[in-house]
């Protein structure tokens, strides 16, 4: 997309919701990664946290371009 593309109020509201969901999902996964005694489960939760952090960062990068 070009930088002169404007986002509607509805678009921004939806992106704000998704950003909040991704941030929350990341925190929950980080919490469970610390709680699991099983190393495989802990690693899996850590990978999920990283996935959500990357999605959050990607959305923020998109917003910063617009």
Protein backbone atom coordinates (compact mmCIF):
# COMPACT_ATOMS: atom_id res chain seq x y z
CA UNK A 1 0.00 0.00 0.00
CA UNK A 2 1.11 3.52 -0.56
CA UNK A 3 1.75 5.95 2.26
CA UNK A 4 -1.02 8.27 1.08
CA UNK A 5 -3.68 5.66 1.87
CA UNK A 6 -5.83 6.93 4.70
CA UNK A 7 -7.44 4.67 7.25
CA UNK A 8 -11.02 5.24 8.32
CA UNK A 9 -12.03 5.63 11.93
CA UNK A 10 -13.58 2.16 11.75
CA UNK A 11 -10.31 0.71 10.39
CA UNK A 12 -8.32 2.34 13.17
CA UNK A 13 -10.77 1.08 15.79
CA UNK A 14 -10.53 -2.48 14.49
CA UNK A 15 -6.72 -2.27 14.40
CA UNK A 16 -6.72 -0.97 17.96
CA UNK A 17 -8.82 -3.98 19.01
CA UNK A 18 -6.52 -6.43 17.23
CA UNK A 19 -3.42 -4.79 18.75
CA UNK A 20 -4.95 -5.18 22.20
CA UNK A 21 -5.80 -8.81 21.54
CA UNK A 22 -2.29 -9.58 20.28
CA UNK A 23 -0.69 -7.85 23.28
CA UNK A 24 -2.96 -9.77 25.66
CA UNK A 25 -2.32 -13.10 23.93
CA UNK A 26 1.43 -12.48 24.15
CA UNK A 27 1.23 -11.78 27.89
CA UNK A 28 -0.92 -14.86 28.52
CA UNK A 29 1.48 -17.09 26.59
CA UNK A 30 4.47 -15.62 28.45
CA UNK A 31 2.69 -16.27 31.75
CA UNK A 32 2.02 -19.91 30.90
CA UNK A 33 5.54 -20.39 29.57
CA UNK A 34 6.76 -19.54 33.08
CA UNK A 35 4.14 -21.73 34.79
CA UNK A 36 4.53 -24.99 32.88
CA UNK A 37 6.78 -27.59 34.48
CA UNK A 38 7.01 -29.54 31.24
CA UNK A 39 9.79 -28.04 29.11
CA UNK A 40 8.05 -28.85 25.82
CA UNK A 41 4.90 -27.03 26.91
CA UNK A 42 6.94 -24.12 28.19
CA UNK A 43 8.82 -23.88 24.88
CA UNK A 44 5.58 -24.09 22.92
CA UNK A 45 4.01 -21.28 24.97
CA UNK A 46 7.17 -19.20 24.45
CA UNK A 47 6.94 -19.76 20.70
CA UNK A 48 3.30 -18.69 20.74
CA UNK A 49 4.23 -15.55 22.69
CA UNK A 50 6.86 -14.73 20.08
CA UNK A 51 4.33 -15.30 17.30
CA UNK A 52 1.89 -12.85 18.90
CA UNK A 53 4.68 -10.33 19.51
CA UNK A 54 5.65 -10.51 15.83
CA UNK A 55 2.04 -9.98 14.75
CA UNK A 56 1.78 -7.00 17.11
CA UNK A 57 5.02 -5.54 15.75
CA UNK A 58 3.86 -6.05 12.17
CA UNK A 59 0.60 -4.23 12.83
CA UNK A 60 2.46 -1.38 14.52
CA UNK A 61 4.83 -1.12 11.55
CA UNK A 62 1.83 -0.97 9.23
CA UNK A 63 0.24 1.79 11.30
CA UNK A 64 3.48 3.76 11.42
CA UNK A 65 3.55 3.77 7.61
CA UNK A 66 0.08 5.31 7.41
